Amino acid sequence: MVTCDACGTENKTGATACEFCDAPLSLGSGTPAVRAPGANTTSALPRCSVCGKEQIPGSLFCDNCGQPLGAATGATTASPVQKPPALTPVATPPSSPVQSPLALTPVATPASSSAPMSPAPVFPGPAVTASPLPTVRLTASYNKIDVRLPPRAEVIIGRGDPTLDVDLSAYDQSSSISRRHACVRIQGGQVSIEDLKSTNGTSVNMQQLPNGQPQALADGDEVCFGRLVLTVRIG
């Protein structure tokens, strides 16, 4: 084996140039081997420009001081880093100003008149007068009885009660009339009679009246209060 004096690489016996750095190898007598014709005799190992130590071809940094290697023979230099091209600013169109909303113009409302409104004229209509109540009388020709009922819408007839409208005690010899015997009503010109749950009852034209059920009266009807028979006169 032959050791390269430049890089220390062991080469095969008989080799004339280092297989690693291509430096000429010394023979056994210490004489450098002769390169074959056409071989590169001018090639040398790159050296560090700072410390001067020879470097292995292809190294980017000195293995002794760490400095980057220059463009020596056989040394590769790092390609400079390409800076990205500067960006050309793009002109942006000017923004249009924001339109403020239009102010609303208040609409003037007509002022209300402070003068009081005159009331609507009232035209007098025909005077409404209440129709007079018909006159109702209870009569008996055989004993000259003629009792005129008071002009009221409701007349209570009976015997011996101070709250009665018509007291027939003077004509009731048999005491057959109850204290509150019957009620005569006048409504809308119509005359009716109703028994008030008397003891001996009330009849019209010989027809007994049910308690609490009114019966219309006409001029000339005969009404029997107990045993007292009277004729109705309406006029």
C-alpha atoms as a PDB file:
ATOM      1  CA  MET A   1       0.000   0.000   0.000  1.00  0.00           C
ATOM      2  CA  VAL A   2       1.165   3.508  -0.811  1.00  0.00           C
ATOM      3  CA  THR A   3       0.124   6.410   1.462  1.00  0.00           C
ATOM      4  CA  CYS A   4      -0.667   9.776  -0.138  1.00  0.00           C
ATOM      5  CA  ASP A   5       1.496  12.517   1.337  1.00  0.00           C
ATOM      6  CA  ALA A   6      -1.174  15.145   0.608  1.00  0.00           C
ATOM      7  CA  CYS A   7      -4.362  13.654   2.044  1.00  0.00           C
ATOM      8  CA  GLY A   8      -3.109  10.508   3.809  1.00  0.00           C
ATOM      9  CA  THR A   9      -5.269   8.164   1.758  1.00  0.00           C
ATOM     10  CA  GLU A  10      -3.825   4.641   1.322  1.00  0.00           C
ATOM     11  CA  ASN A  11      -3.600   3.602  -2.306  1.00  0.00           C
ATOM     12  CA  LYS A  12      -2.774   0.311  -3.990  1.00  0.00           C
ATOM     13  CA  THR A  13       0.838  -0.612  -4.478  1.00  0.00           C
ATOM     14  CA  GLY A  14       2.049   0.614  -7.844  1.00  0.00           C
ATOM     15  CA  ALA A  15      -0.488   3.494  -8.093  1.00  0.00           C
ATOM     16  CA  THR A  16       1.079   6.700  -9.416  1.00  0.00           C
ATOM     17  CA  ALA A  17      -1.652   9.129  -8.343  1.00  0.00           C
ATOM     18  CA  CYS A  18      -3.890   9.292  -5.261  1.00  0.00           C
ATOM     19  CA  GLU A  19      -7.331   7.868  -5.907  1.00  0.00           C
ATOM     20  CA  PHE A  20      -8.872  10.483  -3.603  1.00  0.00           C
ATOM     21  CA  CYS A  21      -7.062  13.776  -4.287  1.00  0.00           C
ATOM     22  CA  ASP A  22      -5.223  12.864  -7.520  1.00  0.00           C
ATOM     23  CA  ALA A  23      -1.915  13.980  -5.997  1.00  0.00           C
ATOM     24  CA  PRO A  24       1.252  12.171  -7.309  1.00  0.00           C
ATOM     25  CA  LEU A  25       2.334   9.301  -5.076  1.00  0.00           C
ATOM     26  CA  SER A  26       5.959   8.804  -3.968  1.00  0.00           C
ATOM     27  CA  LEU A  27       7.603   5.525  -4.901  1.00  0.00           C
ATOM     28  CA  GLY A  28       9.352   3.308  -2.445  1.00  0.00           C
ATOM     29  CA  SER A  29      12.656   5.268  -2.920  1.00  0.00           C
ATOM     30  CA  GLY A  30      10.843   8.494  -2.132  1.00  0.00           C
ATOM     31  CA  THR A  31      10.835   9.660  -5.745  1.00  0.00           C
ATOM     32  CA  PRO A  32       7.508  10.912  -6.971  1.00  0.00           C
ATOM     33  CA  ALA A  33       5.871   8.711  -9.528  1.00  0.00           C
ATOM     34  CA  VAL A  34       5.788   9.945 -13.091  1.00  0.00           C
ATOM     35  CA  ARG A  35       2.299  10.723 -14.359  1.00  0.00           C
ATOM     36  CA  ALA A  36       1.123   9.250 -17.565  1.00  0.00           C
ATOM     37  CA  PRO A  37       0.980  11.491 -20.572  1.00  0.00           C
ATOM     38  CA  GLY A  38      -2.111  13.739 -20.579  1.00  0.00           C
ATOM     39  CA  ALA A  39      -2.446  13.529 -16.811  1.00  0.00           C
ATOM     40  CA  ASN A  40      -3.214  16.715 -14.903  1.00  0.00           C
ATOM     41  CA  THR A  41       0.167  17.791 -13.408  1.00  0.00           C
ATOM     42  CA  THR A  42      -0.864  21.300 -12.468  1.00  0.00           C
ATOM     43  CA  SER A  43      -3.646  20.238 -10.090  1.00  0.00           C
ATOM     44  CA  ALA A  44      -3.058  21.018  -6.373  1.00  0.00           C
ATOM     45  CA  LEU A  45      -5.118  20.700  -3.205  1.00  0.00           C
ATOM     46  CA  PRO A  46      -7.157  23.797  -2.266  1.00  0.00           C
ATOM     47  CA  ARG A  47      -5.830  25.737   0.697  1.00  0.00           C
ATOM     48  CA  CYS A  48      -7.679  27.884   3.253  1.00  0.00           C
ATOM     49  CA  SER A  49      -7.027  31.558   2.600  1.00  0.00           C
ATOM     50  CA  VAL A  50      -7.000  32.211   6.383  1.00  0.00           C
ATOM     51  CA  CYS A  51      -4.937  29.433   7.942  1.00  0.00           C
ATOM     52  CA  GLY A  52      -3.292  27.999   4.760  1.00  0.00           C
ATOM     53  CA  LYS A  53      -4.221  24.367   5.507  1.00  0.00           C
ATOM     54  CA  GLU A  54      -4.848  22.182   2.492  1.00  0.00           C
ATOM     55  CA  GLN A  55      -8.426  21.067   2.110  1.00  0.00           C
ATOM     56  CA  ILE A  56     -10.135  18.141   0.508  1.00  0.00           C
ATOM     57  CA  PRO A  57     -11.494  19.095  -2.913  1.00  0.00           C
ATOM     58  CA  GLY A  58     -15.225  19.865  -2.727  1.00  0.00           C
ATOM     59  CA  SER A  59     -15.094  21.161   0.871  1.00  0.00           C
ATOM     60  CA  LEU A  60     -17.088  24.341   1.501  1.00  0.00           C
ATOM     61  CA  PHE A  61     -15.556  25.187   4.891  1.00  0.00           C
ATOM     62  CA  CYS A  62     -12.033  24.833   6.283  1.00  0.00           C
ATOM     63  CA  ASP A  63     -11.784  21.764   8.511  1.00  0.00           C
ATOM     64  CA  ASN A  64      -9.168  23.601  10.604  1.00  0.00           C
ATOM     65  CA  CYS A  65     -10.579  27.101  11.222  1.00  0.00           C
ATOM     66  CA  GLY A  66     -14.125  26.746   9.877  1.00  0.00           C
ATOM     67  CA  GLN A  67     -13.843  29.667   7.439  1.00  0.00           C
ATOM     68  CA  PRO A  68     -15.635  29.363   4.082  1.00  0.00           C
ATOM     69  CA  LEU A  69     -13.294  28.347   1.295  1.00  0.00           C
ATOM     70  CA  GLY A  70     -12.719  30.697  -1.636  1.00  0.00           C
ATOM     71  CA  ALA A  71     -12.627  29.920  -5.337  1.00  0.00           C
ATOM     72  CA  ALA A  72      -9.322  27.917  -5.209  1.00  0.00           C
ATOM     73  CA  THR A  73      -8.406  25.335  -7.822  1.00  0.00           C
ATOM     74  CA  GLY A  74     -10.558  22.277  -7.457  1.00  0.00           C
ATOM     75  CA  ALA A  75     -12.780  23.887  -4.712  1.00  0.00           C
ATOM     76  CA  THR A  76     -16.472  24.367  -5.203  1.00  0.00           C
ATOM     77  CA  THR A  77     -18.017  27.635  -4.164  1.00  0.00           C
ATOM     78  CA  ALA A  78     -21.488  27.938  -2.795  1.00  0.00           C
ATOM     79  CA  SER A  79     -23.858  29.613  -5.176  1.00  0.00           C
ATOM     80  CA  PRO A  80     -25.116  32.900  -3.832  1.00  0.00           C
ATOM     81  CA  VAL A  81     -28.622  32.856  -2.462  1.00  0.00           C
ATOM     82  CA  GLN A  82     -31.001  34.441  -4.895  1.00  0.00           C
ATOM     83  CA  LYS A  83     -33.122  37.135  -3.350  1.00  0.00           C
ATOM     84  CA  PRO A  84     -36.706  37.067  -4.394  1.00  0.00           C
ATOM     85  CA  PRO A  85     -37.625  39.847  -6.773  1.00  0.00           C
ATOM     86  CA  ALA A  86     -39.046  42.880  -5.118  1.00  0.00           C
ATOM     87  CA  LEU A  87     -42.829  43.014  -5.261  1.00  0.00           C
ATOM     88  CA  THR A  88     -44.181  45.842  -7.300  1.00  0.00           C
ATOM     89  CA  PRO A  89     -46.915  47.616  -5.288  1.00  0.00           C
ATOM     90  CA  VAL A  90     -50.246  47.450  -6.996  1.00  0.00           C
ATOM     91  CA  ALA A  91     -52.051  50.726  -7.023  1.00  0.00           C
ATOM     92  CA  THR A  92     -55.469  50.356  -5.408  1.00  0.00           C
ATOM     93  CA  PRO A  93     -58.283  52.524  -6.688  1.00  0.00           C
ATOM     94  CA  PRO A  94     -59.326  55.222  -4.281  1.00  0.00           C
ATOM     95  CA  SER A  95     -62.325  54.192  -2.246  1.00  0.00           C
ATOM     96  CA  SER A  96     -65.454  56.186  -2.837  1.00  0.00           C
ATOM     97  CA  PRO A  97     -66.638  58.134   0.196  1.00  0.00           C
ATOM     98  CA  VAL A  98     -69.583  56.642   2.047  1.00  0.00           C
ATOM     99  CA  GLN A  99     -72.698  58.595   1.358  1.00  0.00           C
ATOM    100  CA  SER A 100     -74.445  59.628   4.539  1.00  0.00           C
ATOM    101  CA  PRO A 101     -78.215  59.014   4.580  1.00  0.00           C
ATOM    102  CA  LEU A 102     -80.352  61.880   3.506  1.00  0.00           C
ATOM    103  CA  ALA A 103     -81.853  63.820   6.332  1.00  0.00           C
ATOM    104  CA  LEU A 104     -85.623  63.519   6.470  1.00  0.00           C
ATOM    105  CA  THR A 105     -87.419  66.783   6.151  1.00  0.00           C
ATOM    106  CA  PRO A 106     -90.191  66.980   8.746  1.00  0.00           C
ATOM    107  CA  VAL A 107     -93.608  67.465   7.233  1.00  0.00           C
ATOM    108  CA  ALA A 108     -95.508  70.256   8.797  1.00  0.00           C
ATOM    109  CA  THR A 109     -98.865  69.139  10.093  1.00  0.00           C
ATOM    110  CA  PRO A 110    -101.684  71.621  10.125  1.00  0.00           C
ATOM    111  CA  ALA A 111    -102.211  73.108  13.517  1.00  0.00           C
ATOM    112  CA  SER A 112    -105.406  72.035  15.151  1.00  0.00           C
ATOM    113  CA  SER A 113    -107.859  74.777  15.670  1.00  0.00           C
ATOM    114  CA  SER A 114    -108.175  75.787  19.283  1.00  0.00           C
ATOM    115  CA  ALA A 115    -111.646  77.159  18.743  1.00  0.00           C
ATOM    116  CA  PRO A 116    -114.300  74.879  20.270  1.00  0.00           C
ATOM    117  CA  MET A 117    -116.541  73.103  17.810  1.00  0.00           C
ATOM    118  CA  SER A 118    -120.082  74.244  17.792  1.00  0.00           C
ATOM    119  CA  PRO A 119    -122.562  71.510  18.680  1.00  0.00           C
ATOM    120  CA  ALA A 120    -124.733  70.094  15.963  1.00  0.00           C
ATOM    121  CA  PRO A 121    -128.086  71.794  15.760  1.00  0.00           C
ATOM    122  CA  VAL A 122    -130.867  69.909  17.469  1.00  0.00           C
ATOM    123  CA  PHE A 123    -134.208  70.152  15.791  1.00  0.00           C
ATOM    124  CA  PRO A 124    -137.178  69.749  18.091  1.00  0.00           C
ATOM    125  CA  GLY A 125    -139.315  66.786  17.221  1.00  0.00           C
ATOM    126  CA  PRO A 126    -142.925  66.175  17.979  1.00  0.00           C
ATOM    127  CA  ALA A 127    -143.623  66.120  21.691  1.00  0.00           C
ATOM    128  CA  VAL A 128    -144.165  62.628  23.015  1.00  0.00           C
ATOM    129  CA  THR A 129    -146.896  62.513  25.567  1.00  0.00           C
ATOM    130  CA  ALA A 130    -147.824  59.489  27.617  1.00  0.00           C
ATOM    131  CA  SER A 131    -151.199  58.140  26.712  1.00  0.00           C
ATOM    132  CA  PRO A 132    -153.603  58.534  29.622  1.00  0.00           C
ATOM    133  CA  LEU A 133    -154.579  55.412  31.466  1.00  0.00           C
ATOM    134  CA  PRO A 134    -158.071  54.226  30.747  1.00  0.00           C
ATOM    135  CA  THR A 135    -160.649  54.656  33.482  1.00  0.00           C
ATOM    136  CA  VAL A 136    -161.596  51.377  35.170  1.00  0.00           C
ATOM    137  CA  ARG A 137    -164.701  51.052  37.375  1.00  0.00           C
ATOM    138  CA  LEU A 138    -166.225  48.144  39.289  1.00  0.00           C
ATOM    139  CA  THR A 139    -170.005  48.405  39.493  1.00  0.00           C
ATOM    140  CA  ALA A 140    -173.055  46.486  40.781  1.00  0.00           C
ATOM    141  CA  SER A 141    -176.518  47.729  39.887  1.00  0.00           C
ATOM    142  CA  TYR A 142    -178.395  45.696  42.461  1.00  0.00           C
ATOM    143  CA  ASN A 143    -176.840  47.512  45.438  1.00  0.00           C
ATOM    144  CA  LYS A 144    -175.652  50.651  43.678  1.00  0.00           C
ATOM    145  CA  ILE A 145    -171.927  49.876  43.902  1.00  0.00           C
ATOM    146  CA  ASP A 146    -169.704  52.059  41.729  1.00  0.00           C
ATOM    147  CA  VAL A 147    -165.978  51.925  42.667  1.00  0.00           C
ATOM    148  CA  ARG A 148    -163.540  53.840  40.492  1.00  0.00           C
ATOM    149  CA  LEU A 149    -159.989  52.405  40.511  1.00  0.00           C
ATOM    150  CA  PRO A 150    -157.170  54.923  40.991  1.00  0.00           C
ATOM    151  CA  PRO A 151    -155.215  55.794  37.781  1.00  0.00           C
ATOM    152  CA  ARG A 152    -152.256  53.531  38.455  1.00  0.00           C
ATOM    153  CA  ALA A 153    -150.509  50.814  36.519  1.00  0.00           C
ATOM    154  CA  GLU A 154    -151.145  48.390  39.369  1.00  0.00           C
ATOM    155  CA  VAL A 155    -154.074  48.400  41.803  1.00  0.00           C
ATOM    156  CA  ILE A 156    -154.332  45.987  44.769  1.00  0.00           C
ATOM    157  CA  ILE A 157    -157.888  45.023  45.772  1.00  0.00           C
ATOM    158  CA  GLY A 158    -158.836  43.346  49.073  1.00  0.00           C
ATOM    159  CA  ARG A 159    -160.455  43.796  52.496  1.00  0.00           C
ATOM    160  CA  GLY A 160    -159.407  45.408  55.797  1.00  0.00           C
ATOM    161  CA  ASP A 161    -155.763  46.180  54.922  1.00  0.00           C
ATOM    162  CA  PRO A 162    -154.534  49.791  55.175  1.00  0.00           C
ATOM    163  CA  THR A 163    -152.021  49.247  52.339  1.00  0.00           C
ATOM    164  CA  LEU A 164    -154.767  48.419  49.824  1.00  0.00           C
ATOM    165  CA  ASP A 165    -155.569  50.646  46.853  1.00  0.00           C
ATOM    166  CA  VAL A 166    -159.224  49.564  46.877  1.00  0.00           C
ATOM    167  CA  ASP A 167    -160.934  48.225  50.054  1.00  0.00           C
ATOM    168  CA  LEU A 168    -164.191  46.292  49.399  1.00  0.00           C
ATOM    169  CA  SER A 169    -165.002  45.627  53.080  1.00  0.00           C
ATOM    170  CA  ALA A 170    -168.163  47.799  52.913  1.00  0.00           C
ATOM    171  CA  TYR A 171    -169.623  45.566  50.189  1.00  0.00           C
ATOM    172  CA  ASP A 172    -168.496  42.172  51.505  1.00  0.00           C
ATOM    173  CA  GLN A 173    -171.285  41.063  53.826  1.00  0.00           C
ATOM    174  CA  SER A 174    -170.199  37.422  53.866  1.00  0.00           C
ATOM    175  CA  SER A 175    -166.477  38.203  54.473  1.00  0.00           C
ATOM    176  CA  SER A 176    -165.479  36.114  51.454  1.00  0.00           C
ATOM    177  CA  ILE A 177    -162.821  38.572  50.207  1.00  0.00           C
ATOM    178  CA  SER A 178    -159.237  38.060  51.364  1.00  0.00           C
ATOM    179  CA  ARG A 179    -157.057  40.857  52.769  1.00  0.00           C
ATOM    180  CA  ARG A 180    -155.010  40.975  49.506  1.00  0.00           C
ATOM    181  CA  HIS A 181    -157.330  39.316  47.097  1.00  0.00           C
ATOM    182  CA  ALA A 182    -156.495  40.392  43.512  1.00  0.00           C
ATOM    183  CA  CYS A 183    -154.421  42.840  41.433  1.00  0.00           C
ATOM    184  CA  VAL A 184    -155.654  44.857  38.445  1.00  0.00           C
ATOM    185  CA  ARG A 185    -152.930  45.998  35.996  1.00  0.00           C
ATOM    186  CA  ILE A 186    -153.063  48.559  33.195  1.00  0.00           C
ATOM    187  CA  GLN A 187    -150.243  48.278  30.606  1.00  0.00           C
ATOM    188  CA  GLY A 188    -150.302  49.885  27.164  1.00  0.00           C
ATOM    189  CA  GLY A 189    -154.048  50.485  27.375  1.00  0.00           C
ATOM    190  CA  GLN A 190    -154.636  46.835  28.192  1.00  0.00           C
ATOM    191  CA  VAL A 191    -156.424  45.899  31.473  1.00  0.00           C
ATOM    192  CA  SER A 192    -155.859  42.549  33.197  1.00  0.00           C
ATOM    193  CA  ILE A 193    -156.557  40.948  36.570  1.00  0.00           C
ATOM    194  CA  GLU A 194    -154.580  38.381  38.590  1.00  0.00           C
ATOM    195  CA  ASP A 195    -155.579  36.431  41.716  1.00  0.00           C
ATOM    196  CA  LEU A 196    -153.149  36.827  44.644  1.00  0.00           C
ATOM    197  CA  LYS A 197    -153.678  33.348  46.153  1.00  0.00           C
ATOM    198  CA  SER A 198    -156.932  34.368  47.795  1.00  0.00           C
ATOM    199  CA  THR A 199    -158.887  31.974  49.996  1.00  0.00           C
ATOM    200  CA  ASN A 200    -162.091  31.937  47.952  1.00  0.00           C
ATOM    201  CA  GLY A 201    -160.504  32.689  44.572  1.00  0.00           C
ATOM    202  CA  THR A 202    -161.236  35.080  41.683  1.00  0.00           C
ATOM    203  CA  SER A 203    -163.235  34.301  38.549  1.00  0.00           C
ATOM    204  CA  VAL A 204    -163.939  36.162  35.269  1.00  0.00           C
ATOM    205  CA  ASN A 205    -167.220  35.399  33.551  1.00  0.00           C
ATOM    206  CA  MET A 206    -167.688  32.372  35.788  1.00  0.00           C
ATOM    207  CA  GLN A 207    -164.146  31.063  34.962  1.00  0.00           C
ATOM    208  CA  GLN A 208    -161.890  30.501  37.955  1.00  0.00           C
ATOM    209  CA  LEU A 209    -158.442  32.090  37.574  1.00  0.00           C
ATOM    210  CA  PRO A 210    -155.318  30.047  38.380  1.00  0.00           C
ATOM    211  CA  ASN A 211    -153.127  31.636  41.008  1.00  0.00           C
ATOM    212  CA  GLY A 212    -150.455  33.940  39.518  1.00  0.00           C
ATOM    213  CA  GLN A 213    -151.877  33.839  35.973  1.00  0.00           C
ATOM    214  CA  PRO A 214    -153.174  37.191  34.623  1.00  0.00           C
ATOM    215  CA  GLN A 215    -156.441  37.355  32.681  1.00  0.00           C
ATOM    216  CA  ALA A 216    -157.310  40.160  30.241  1.00  0.00           C
ATOM    217  CA  LEU A 217    -160.459  42.164  30.968  1.00  0.00           C
ATOM    218  CA  ALA A 218    -162.866  43.784  28.576  1.00  0.00           C
ATOM    219  CA  ASP A 219    -165.640  46.267  29.151  1.00  0.00           C
ATOM    220  CA  GLY A 220    -168.696  44.449  30.593  1.00  0.00           C
ATOM    221  CA  ASP A 221    -166.855  41.418  32.008  1.00  0.00           C
ATOM    222  CA  GLU A 222    -168.135  40.073  35.321  1.00  0.00           C
ATOM    223  CA  VAL A 223    -165.517  39.523  38.014  1.00  0.00           C
ATOM    224  CA  CYS A 224    -166.290  37.589  41.179  1.00  0.00           C
ATOM    225  CA  PHE A 225    -164.185  38.387  44.282  1.00  0.00           C
ATOM    226  CA  GLY A 226    -165.077  35.488  46.584  1.00  0.00           C
ATOM    227  CA  ARG A 227    -168.916  35.832  46.581  1.00  0.00           C
ATOM    228  CA  LEU A 228    -169.023  39.504  45.521  1.00  0.00           C
ATOM    229  CA  VAL A 229    -169.889  39.800  41.822  1.00  0.00           C
ATOM    230  CA  LEU A 230    -168.944  43.117  40.080  1.00  0.00           C
ATOM    231  CA  THR A 231    -169.067  44.368  36.496  1.00  0.00           C
ATOM    232  CA  VAL A 232    -165.981  45.887  34.852  1.00  0.00           C
ATOM    233  CA  ARG A 233    -166.416  49.211  33.069  1.00  0.00           C
ATOM    234  CA  ILE A 234    -163.513  50.478  30.959  1.00  0.00           C
ATOM    235  CA  GLY A 235    -163.732  53.861  29.309  1.00  0.00           C
END
